[in-house]
Amino acid sequence: MTIDHVLDTRGLFCPEPVMMLHGAVREATQGQLLQVLATDPSTQRDIAKFCQFLEHDLVSSEVVQSDGQEEFHFVIKIAAAT
């Protein structure tokens, strides 16, 4: 899987990660893969709902440990222009 864009929202809290995701999606084109890195647990719910509402494909969602802290990594396949 080749990631086309990475959005690093680590250290930010709701609603900033999703607001930044809106901007990143506008800059991407249909079919591209966007990886989102986050530390806010609410992104697990918010990003899934964002993808469902705007019809993007949430390809993967995983929790990883980084420097003793949980991180949430998402890969989103961009749908038609939003």
PDB file of N, CA and C in Angstrom:
ATOM      1  N   MET A   1       0.853  -1.172   0.000  1.00  0.00           N
ATOM      2  CA  MET A   1       0.000   0.000   0.000  1.00  0.00           C
ATOM      3  C   MET A   1       0.901   1.238   0.000  1.00  0.00           C
ATOM      4  N   THR A   2       0.684   2.112  -0.953  1.00  0.00           N
ATOM      5  CA  THR A   2       1.466   3.338  -1.061  1.00  0.00           C
ATOM      6  C   THR A   2       0.636   4.513  -0.565  1.00  0.00           C
ATOM      7  N   ILE A   3       1.138   5.188   0.459  1.00  0.00           N
ATOM      8  CA  ILE A   3       0.453   6.342   1.039  1.00  0.00           C
ATOM      9  C   ILE A   3       0.813   7.581   0.215  1.00  0.00           C
ATOM     10  N   ASP A   4      -0.209   8.327  -0.202  1.00  0.00           N
ATOM     11  CA  ASP A   4       0.016   9.530  -1.005  1.00  0.00           C
ATOM     12  C   ASP A   4       0.192  10.789  -0.156  1.00  0.00           C
ATOM     13  N   HIS A   5      -0.490  10.841   0.985  1.00  0.00           N
ATOM     14  CA  HIS A   5      -0.430  12.010   1.868  1.00  0.00           C
ATOM     15  C   HIS A   5      -0.444  11.541   3.313  1.00  0.00           C
ATOM     16  N   VAL A   6       0.238  12.296   4.190  1.00  0.00           N
ATOM     17  CA  VAL A   6       0.217  12.003   5.621  1.00  0.00           C
ATOM     18  C   VAL A   6      -0.239  13.260   6.348  1.00  0.00           C
ATOM     19  N   LEU A   7      -1.221  13.095   7.220  1.00  0.00           N
ATOM     20  CA  LEU A   7      -1.712  14.192   8.053  1.00  0.00           C
ATOM     21  C   LEU A   7      -1.370  13.845   9.495  1.00  0.00           C
ATOM     22  N   ASP A   8      -0.483  14.625  10.092  1.00  0.00           N
ATOM     23  CA  ASP A   8      -0.034  14.384  11.463  1.00  0.00           C
ATOM     24  C   ASP A   8      -0.808  15.301  12.406  1.00  0.00           C
ATOM     25  N   THR A   9      -1.739  14.727  13.162  1.00  0.00           N
ATOM     26  CA  THR A   9      -2.526  15.510  14.120  1.00  0.00           C
ATOM     27  C   THR A   9      -2.173  15.129  15.557  1.00  0.00           C
ATOM     28  N   ARG A  10      -1.051  14.474  15.741  1.00  0.00           N
ATOM     29  CA  ARG A  10      -0.649  14.056  17.087  1.00  0.00           C
ATOM     30  C   ARG A  10      -0.508  15.276  17.986  1.00  0.00           C
ATOM     31  N   GLY A  11      -1.044  15.154  19.194  1.00  0.00           N
ATOM     32  CA  GLY A  11      -0.990  16.248  20.155  1.00  0.00           C
ATOM     33  C   GLY A  11      -2.186  17.183  20.078  1.00  0.00           C
ATOM     34  N   LEU A  12      -3.028  17.030  19.079  1.00  0.00           N
ATOM     35  CA  LEU A  12      -4.206  17.886  18.929  1.00  0.00           C
ATOM     36  C   LEU A  12      -5.443  17.161  19.446  1.00  0.00           C
ATOM     37  N   PHE A  13      -6.421  17.943  19.879  1.00  0.00           N
ATOM     38  CA  PHE A  13      -7.650  17.381  20.433  1.00  0.00           C
ATOM     39  C   PHE A  13      -8.853  17.844  19.635  1.00  0.00           C
ATOM     40  N   CYS A  14      -9.929  17.075  19.761  1.00  0.00           N
ATOM     41  CA  CYS A  14     -11.190  17.338  19.089  1.00  0.00           C
ATOM     42  C   CYS A  14     -11.582  18.804  19.275  1.00  0.00           C
ATOM     43  N   PRO A  15     -11.945  19.495  18.216  1.00  0.00           N
ATOM     44  CA  PRO A  15     -12.273  19.022  16.875  1.00  0.00           C
ATOM     45  C   PRO A  15     -11.152  19.213  15.851  1.00  0.00           C
ATOM     46  N   GLU A  16      -9.968  19.635  16.302  1.00  0.00           N
ATOM     47  CA  GLU A  16      -8.896  19.978  15.358  1.00  0.00           C
ATOM     48  C   GLU A  16      -8.518  18.870  14.381  1.00  0.00           C
ATOM     49  N   PRO A  17      -8.337  17.605  14.809  1.00  0.00           N
ATOM     50  CA  PRO A  17      -7.961  16.588  13.829  1.00  0.00           C
ATOM     51  C   PRO A  17      -8.942  16.452  12.661  1.00  0.00           C
ATOM     52  N   VAL A  18     -10.234  16.486  12.961  1.00  0.00           N
ATOM     53  CA  VAL A  18     -11.223  16.337  11.887  1.00  0.00           C
ATOM     54  C   VAL A  18     -11.270  17.603  11.026  1.00  0.00           C
ATOM     55  N   MET A  19     -11.100  18.755  11.633  1.00  0.00           N
ATOM     56  CA  MET A  19     -11.058  19.997  10.841  1.00  0.00           C
ATOM     57  C   MET A  19      -9.873  19.961   9.871  1.00  0.00           C
ATOM     58  N   MET A  20      -8.731  19.501  10.351  1.00  0.00           N
ATOM     59  CA  MET A  20      -7.558  19.392   9.483  1.00  0.00           C
ATOM     60  C   MET A  20      -7.773  18.330   8.410  1.00  0.00           C
ATOM     61  N   LEU A  21      -8.488  17.260   8.758  1.00  0.00           N
ATOM     62  CA  LEU A  21      -8.780  16.209   7.798  1.00  0.00           C
ATOM     63  C   LEU A  21      -9.623  16.743   6.640  1.00  0.00           C
ATOM     64  N   HIS A  22     -10.574  17.607   6.935  1.00  0.00           N
ATOM     65  CA  HIS A  22     -11.382  18.226   5.870  1.00  0.00           C
ATOM     66  C   HIS A  22     -10.471  18.922   4.855  1.00  0.00           C
ATOM     67  N   GLY A  23      -9.503  19.685   5.346  1.00  0.00           N
ATOM     68  CA  GLY A  23      -8.573  20.389   4.456  1.00  0.00           C
ATOM     69  C   GLY A  23      -7.703  19.445   3.661  1.00  0.00           C
ATOM     70  N   ALA A  24      -7.216  18.392   4.305  1.00  0.00           N
ATOM     71  CA  ALA A  24      -6.344  17.433   3.622  1.00  0.00           C
ATOM     72  C   ALA A  24      -7.096  16.701   2.522  1.00  0.00           C
ATOM     73  N   VAL A  25      -8.364  16.368   2.767  1.00  0.00           N
ATOM     74  CA  VAL A  25      -9.173  15.675   1.768  1.00  0.00           C
ATOM     75  C   VAL A  25      -9.386  16.563   0.546  1.00  0.00           C
ATOM     76  N   ARG A  26      -9.574  17.854   0.776  1.00  0.00           N
ATOM     77  CA  ARG A  26      -9.760  18.791  -0.352  1.00  0.00           C
ATOM     78  C   ARG A  26      -8.532  18.850  -1.258  1.00  0.00           C
ATOM     79  N   GLU A  27      -7.355  18.649  -0.679  1.00  0.00           N
ATOM     80  CA  GLU A  27      -6.116  18.717  -1.448  1.00  0.00           C
ATOM     81  C   GLU A  27      -5.787  17.401  -2.151  1.00  0.00           C
ATOM     82  N   ALA A  28      -6.424  16.331  -1.758  1.00  0.00           N
ATOM     83  CA  ALA A  28      -6.162  15.015  -2.356  1.00  0.00           C
ATOM     84  C   ALA A  28      -7.108  14.795  -3.536  1.00  0.00           C
ATOM     85  N   THR A  29      -6.776  13.799  -4.332  1.00  0.00           N
ATOM     86  CA  THR A  29      -7.637  13.458  -5.464  1.00  0.00           C
ATOM     87  C   THR A  29      -8.220  12.065  -5.259  1.00  0.00           C
ATOM     88  N   GLN A  30      -9.277  11.797  -5.983  1.00  0.00           N
ATOM     89  CA  GLN A  30      -9.997  10.541  -5.859  1.00  0.00           C
ATOM     90  C   GLN A  30      -9.043   9.357  -6.019  1.00  0.00           C
ATOM     91  N   GLY A  31      -9.182   8.389  -5.114  1.00  0.00           N
ATOM     92  CA  GLY A  31      -8.374   7.175  -5.177  1.00  0.00           C
ATOM     93  C   GLY A  31      -7.067   7.247  -4.411  1.00  0.00           C
ATOM     94  N   GLN A  32      -6.631   8.453  -4.025  1.00  0.00           N
ATOM     95  CA  GLN A  32      -5.389   8.558  -3.270  1.00  0.00           C
ATOM     96  C   GLN A  32      -5.597   8.059  -1.843  1.00  0.00           C
ATOM     97  N   LEU A  33      -4.491   7.647  -1.227  1.00  0.00           N
ATOM     98  CA  LEU A  33      -4.519   7.186   0.155  1.00  0.00           C
ATOM     99  C   LEU A  33      -3.933   8.249   1.063  1.00  0.00           C
ATOM    100  N   LEU A  34      -4.688   8.563   2.108  1.00  0.00           N
ATOM    101  CA  LEU A  34      -4.292   9.563   3.091  1.00  0.00           C
ATOM    102  C   LEU A  34      -4.130   8.866   4.431  1.00  0.00           C
ATOM    103  N   GLN A  35      -2.965   8.997   5.041  1.00  0.00           N
ATOM    104  CA  GLN A  35      -2.742   8.434   6.367  1.00  0.00           C
ATOM    105  C   GLN A  35      -2.896   9.544   7.392  1.00  0.00           C
ATOM    106  N   VAL A  36      -3.645   9.265   8.458  1.00  0.00           N
ATOM    107  CA  VAL A  36      -3.829  10.211   9.550  1.00  0.00           C
ATOM    108  C   VAL A  36      -3.198   9.610  10.796  1.00  0.00           C
ATOM    109  N   LEU A  37      -2.364  10.396  11.463  1.00  0.00           N
ATOM    110  CA  LEU A  37      -1.733   9.999  12.718  1.00  0.00           C
ATOM    111  C   LEU A  37      -2.329  10.863  13.816  1.00  0.00           C
ATOM    112  N   ALA A  38      -2.795  10.253  14.893  1.00  0.00           N
ATOM    113  CA  ALA A  38      -3.465  11.008  15.947  1.00  0.00           C
ATOM    114  C   ALA A  38      -3.152  10.417  17.319  1.00  0.00           C
ATOM    115  N   THR A  39      -3.334  11.252  18.349  1.00  0.00           N
ATOM    116  CA  THR A  39      -3.192  10.787  19.725  1.00  0.00           C
ATOM    117  C   THR A  39      -4.489  10.964  20.515  1.00  0.00           C
ATOM    118  N   ASP A  40      -5.452  11.654  19.979  1.00  0.00           N
ATOM    119  CA  ASP A  40      -6.735  11.870  20.647  1.00  0.00           C
ATOM    120  C   ASP A  40      -7.621  10.639  20.444  1.00  0.00           C
ATOM    121  N   PRO A  41      -7.993   9.946  21.528  1.00  0.00           N
ATOM    122  CA  PRO A  41      -8.826   8.742  21.383  1.00  0.00           C
ATOM    123  C   PRO A  41     -10.148   8.986  20.660  1.00  0.00           C
ATOM    124  N   SER A  42     -10.687  10.188  20.723  1.00  0.00           N
ATOM    125  CA  SER A  42     -11.968  10.457  20.060  1.00  0.00           C
ATOM    126  C   SER A  42     -11.859  10.376  18.537  1.00  0.00           C
ATOM    127  N   THR A  43     -10.639  10.402  17.999  1.00  0.00           N
ATOM    128  CA  THR A  43     -10.498  10.283  16.540  1.00  0.00           C
ATOM    129  C   THR A  43     -10.945   8.915  16.050  1.00  0.00           C
ATOM    130  N   GLN A  44     -10.897   7.906  16.918  1.00  0.00           N
ATOM    131  CA  GLN A  44     -11.363   6.575  16.509  1.00  0.00           C
ATOM    132  C   GLN A  44     -12.826   6.628  16.077  1.00  0.00           C
ATOM    133  N   ARG A  45     -13.616   7.357  16.808  1.00  0.00           N
ATOM    134  CA  ARG A  45     -15.033   7.514  16.481  1.00  0.00           C
ATOM    135  C   ARG A  45     -15.219   8.566  15.387  1.00  0.00           C
ATOM    136  N   ASP A  46     -14.568   9.709  15.553  1.00  0.00           N
ATOM    137  CA  ASP A  46     -14.793  10.847  14.661  1.00  0.00           C
ATOM    138  C   ASP A  46     -14.363  10.575  13.224  1.00  0.00           C
ATOM    139  N   ILE A  47     -13.222   9.940  13.039  1.00  0.00           N
ATOM    140  CA  ILE A  47     -12.731   9.698  11.682  1.00  0.00           C
ATOM    141  C   ILE A  47     -13.573   8.628  10.991  1.00  0.00           C
ATOM    142  N   ALA A  48     -14.005   7.626  11.734  1.00  0.00           N
ATOM    143  CA  ALA A  48     -14.887   6.608  11.144  1.00  0.00           C
ATOM    144  C   ALA A  48     -16.192   7.254  10.672  1.00  0.00           C
ATOM    145  N   LYS A  49     -16.767   8.125  11.493  1.00  0.00           N
ATOM    146  CA  LYS A  49     -18.015   8.807  11.115  1.00  0.00           C
ATOM    147  C   LYS A  49     -17.789   9.763   9.950  1.00  0.00           C
ATOM    148  N   PHE A  50     -16.659  10.460   9.943  1.00  0.00           N
ATOM    149  CA  PHE A  50     -16.304  11.361   8.845  1.00  0.00           C
ATOM    150  C   PHE A  50     -16.290  10.585   7.528  1.00  0.00           C
ATOM    151  N   CYS A  51     -15.618   9.443   7.531  1.00  0.00           N
ATOM    152  CA  CYS A  51     -15.514   8.628   6.312  1.00  0.00           C
ATOM    153  C   CYS A  51     -16.885   8.113   5.879  1.00  0.00           C
ATOM    154  N   GLN A  52     -17.663   7.658   6.820  1.00  0.00           N
ATOM    155  CA  GLN A  52     -18.989   7.141   6.494  1.00  0.00           C
ATOM    156  C   GLN A  52     -19.867   8.239   5.907  1.00  0.00           C
ATOM    157  N   PHE A  53     -19.862   9.402   6.518  1.00  0.00           N
ATOM    158  CA  PHE A  53     -20.719  10.503   6.088  1.00  0.00           C
ATOM    159  C   PHE A  53     -20.332  11.018   4.701  1.00  0.00           C
ATOM    160  N   LEU A  54     -19.018  11.118   4.440  1.00  0.00           N
ATOM    161  CA  LEU A  54     -18.548  11.673   3.165  1.00  0.00           C
ATOM    162  C   LEU A  54     -18.191  10.590   2.144  1.00  0.00           C
ATOM    163  N   GLU A  55     -18.461   9.337   2.480  1.00  0.00           N
ATOM    164  CA  GLU A  55     -18.292   8.197   1.592  1.00  0.00           C
ATOM    165  C   GLU A  55     -16.851   7.913   1.174  1.00  0.00           C
ATOM    166  N   HIS A  56     -15.905   8.249   2.070  1.00  0.00           N
ATOM    167  CA  HIS A  56     -14.517   7.845   1.869  1.00  0.00           C
ATOM    168  C   HIS A  56     -14.378   6.439   2.450  1.00  0.00           C
ATOM    169  N   ASP A  57     -13.401   5.696   1.975  1.00  0.00           N
ATOM    170  CA  ASP A  57     -13.191   4.327   2.439  1.00  0.00           C
ATOM    171  C   ASP A  57     -12.139   4.320   3.540  1.00  0.00           C
ATOM    172  N   LEU A  58     -12.526   3.922   4.748  1.00  0.00           N
ATOM    173  CA  LEU A  58     -11.571   3.772   5.839  1.00  0.00           C
ATOM    174  C   LEU A  58     -10.892   2.420   5.652  1.00  0.00           C
ATOM    175  N   VAL A  59      -9.727   2.446   5.030  1.00  0.00           N
ATOM    176  CA  VAL A  59      -9.009   1.232   4.654  1.00  0.00           C
ATOM    177  C   VAL A  59      -8.469   0.512   5.890  1.00  0.00           C
ATOM    178  N   SER A  60      -7.919   1.276   6.827  1.00  0.00           N
ATOM    179  CA  SER A  60      -7.403   0.660   8.047  1.00  0.00           C
ATOM    180  C   SER A  60      -7.461   1.642   9.204  1.00  0.00           C
ATOM    181  N   SER A  61      -7.566   1.070  10.382  1.00  0.00           N
ATOM    182  CA  SER A  61      -7.589   1.834  11.624  1.00  0.00           C
ATOM    183  C   SER A  61      -6.887   0.972  12.658  1.00  0.00           C
ATOM    184  N   GLU A  62      -5.810   1.481  13.236  1.00  0.00           N
ATOM    185  CA  GLU A  62      -5.093   0.675  14.212  1.00  0.00           C
ATOM    186  C   GLU A  62      -4.559   1.529  15.349  1.00  0.00           C
ATOM    187  N   VAL A  63      -4.405   0.897  16.492  1.00  0.00           N
ATOM    188  CA  VAL A  63      -3.822   1.537  17.668  1.00  0.00           C
ATOM    189  C   VAL A  63      -2.413   0.991  17.804  1.00  0.00           C
ATOM    190  N   VAL A  64      -1.435   1.895  17.901  1.00  0.00           N
ATOM    191  CA  VAL A  64      -0.037   1.492  18.045  1.00  0.00           C
ATOM    192  C   VAL A  64       0.562   2.199  19.256  1.00  0.00           C
ATOM    193  N   GLN A  65       1.582   1.599  19.809  1.00  0.00           N
ATOM    194  CA  GLN A  65       2.309   2.209  20.915  1.00  0.00           C
ATOM    195  C   GLN A  65       3.519   2.944  20.357  1.00  0.00           C
ATOM    196  N   SER A  66       3.688   4.200  20.766  1.00  0.00           N
ATOM    197  CA  SER A  66       4.838   4.995  20.333  1.00  0.00           C
ATOM    198  C   SER A  66       5.348   5.777  21.535  1.00  0.00           C
ATOM    199  N   ASP A  67       6.557   5.494  21.939  1.00  0.00           N
ATOM    200  CA  ASP A  67       7.159   6.154  23.107  1.00  0.00           C
ATOM    201  C   ASP A  67       6.261   6.063  24.334  1.00  0.00           C
ATOM    202  N   GLY A  68       5.653   4.892  24.544  1.00  0.00           N
ATOM    203  CA  GLY A  68       4.811   4.673  25.707  1.00  0.00           C
ATOM    204  C   GLY A  68       3.438   5.308  25.638  1.00  0.00           C
ATOM    205  N   GLN A  69       3.088   5.839  24.493  1.00  0.00           N
ATOM    206  CA  GLN A  69       1.786   6.499  24.326  1.00  0.00           C
ATOM    207  C   GLN A  69       1.019   5.841  23.188  1.00  0.00           C
ATOM    208  N   GLU A  70      -0.299   5.740  23.356  1.00  0.00           N
ATOM    209  CA  GLU A  70      -1.118   5.203  22.276  1.00  0.00           C
ATOM    210  C   GLU A  70      -1.238   6.211  21.152  1.00  0.00           C
ATOM    211  N   GLU A  71      -1.074   5.724  19.938  1.00  0.00           N
ATOM    212  CA  GLU A  71      -1.338   6.519  18.742  1.00  0.00           C
ATOM    213  C   GLU A  71      -2.380   5.786  17.917  1.00  0.00           C
ATOM    214  N   PHE A  72      -3.131   6.554  17.163  1.00  0.00           N
ATOM    215  CA  PHE A  72      -4.176   6.009  16.321  1.00  0.00           C
ATOM    216  C   PHE A  72      -3.802   6.324  14.881  1.00  0.00           C
ATOM    217  N   HIS A  73      -3.667   5.290  14.082  1.00  0.00           N
ATOM    218  CA  HIS A  73      -3.260   5.443  12.688  1.00  0.00           C
ATOM    219  C   HIS A  73      -4.411   5.001  11.794  1.00  0.00           C
ATOM    220  N   PHE A  74      -4.747   5.835  10.848  1.00  0.00           N
ATOM    221  CA  PHE A  74      -5.845   5.581   9.924  1.00  0.00           C
ATOM    222  C   PHE A  74      -5.337   5.714   8.501  1.00  0.00           C
ATOM    223  N   VAL A  75      -5.860   4.906   7.611  1.00  0.00           N
ATOM    224  CA  VAL A  75      -5.602   5.078   6.184  1.00  0.00           C
ATOM    225  C   VAL A  75      -6.974   5.222   5.525  1.00  0.00           C
ATOM    226  N   ILE A  76      -7.115   6.310   4.764  1.00  0.00           N
ATOM    227  CA  ILE A  76      -8.381   6.645   4.120  1.00  0.00           C
ATOM    228  C   ILE A  76      -8.169   6.708   2.622  1.00  0.00           C
ATOM    229  N   LYS A  77      -9.034   6.032   1.898  1.00  0.00           N
ATOM    230  CA  LYS A  77      -9.019   6.137   0.429  1.00  0.00           C
ATOM    231  C   LYS A  77     -10.042   7.208   0.053  1.00  0.00           C
ATOM    232  N   ILE A  78      -9.554   8.209  -0.654  1.00  0.00           N
ATOM    233  CA  ILE A  78     -10.371   9.382  -0.990  1.00  0.00           C
ATOM    234  C   ILE A  78     -11.417   9.022  -2.043  1.00  0.00           C
ATOM    235  N   ALA A  79     -12.645   9.421  -1.768  1.00  0.00           N
ATOM    236  CA  ALA A  79     -13.751   9.234  -2.705  1.00  0.00           C
ATOM    237  C   ALA A  79     -13.745  10.392  -3.708  1.00  0.00           C
ATOM    238  N   ALA A  80     -14.815  10.527  -4.442  1.00  0.00           N
ATOM    239  CA  ALA A  80     -14.954  11.632  -5.408  1.00  0.00           C
ATOM    240  C   ALA A  80     -14.797  12.969  -4.672  1.00  0.00           C
ATOM    241  N   ALA A  81     -14.539  14.004  -5.428  1.00  0.00           N
ATOM    242  CA  ALA A  81     -14.295  15.347  -4.869  1.00  0.00           C
ATOM    243  C   ALA A  81     -15.375  15.731  -3.869  1.00  0.00           C
ATOM    244  N   THR A  82     -14.905  16.319  -2.756  1.00  0.00           N
ATOM    245  CA  THR A  82     -15.824  16.750  -1.704  1.00  0.00           C
ATOM    246  C   THR A  82     -15.857  18.247  -1.595  1.00  0.00           C
TER     247      THR A  82
END
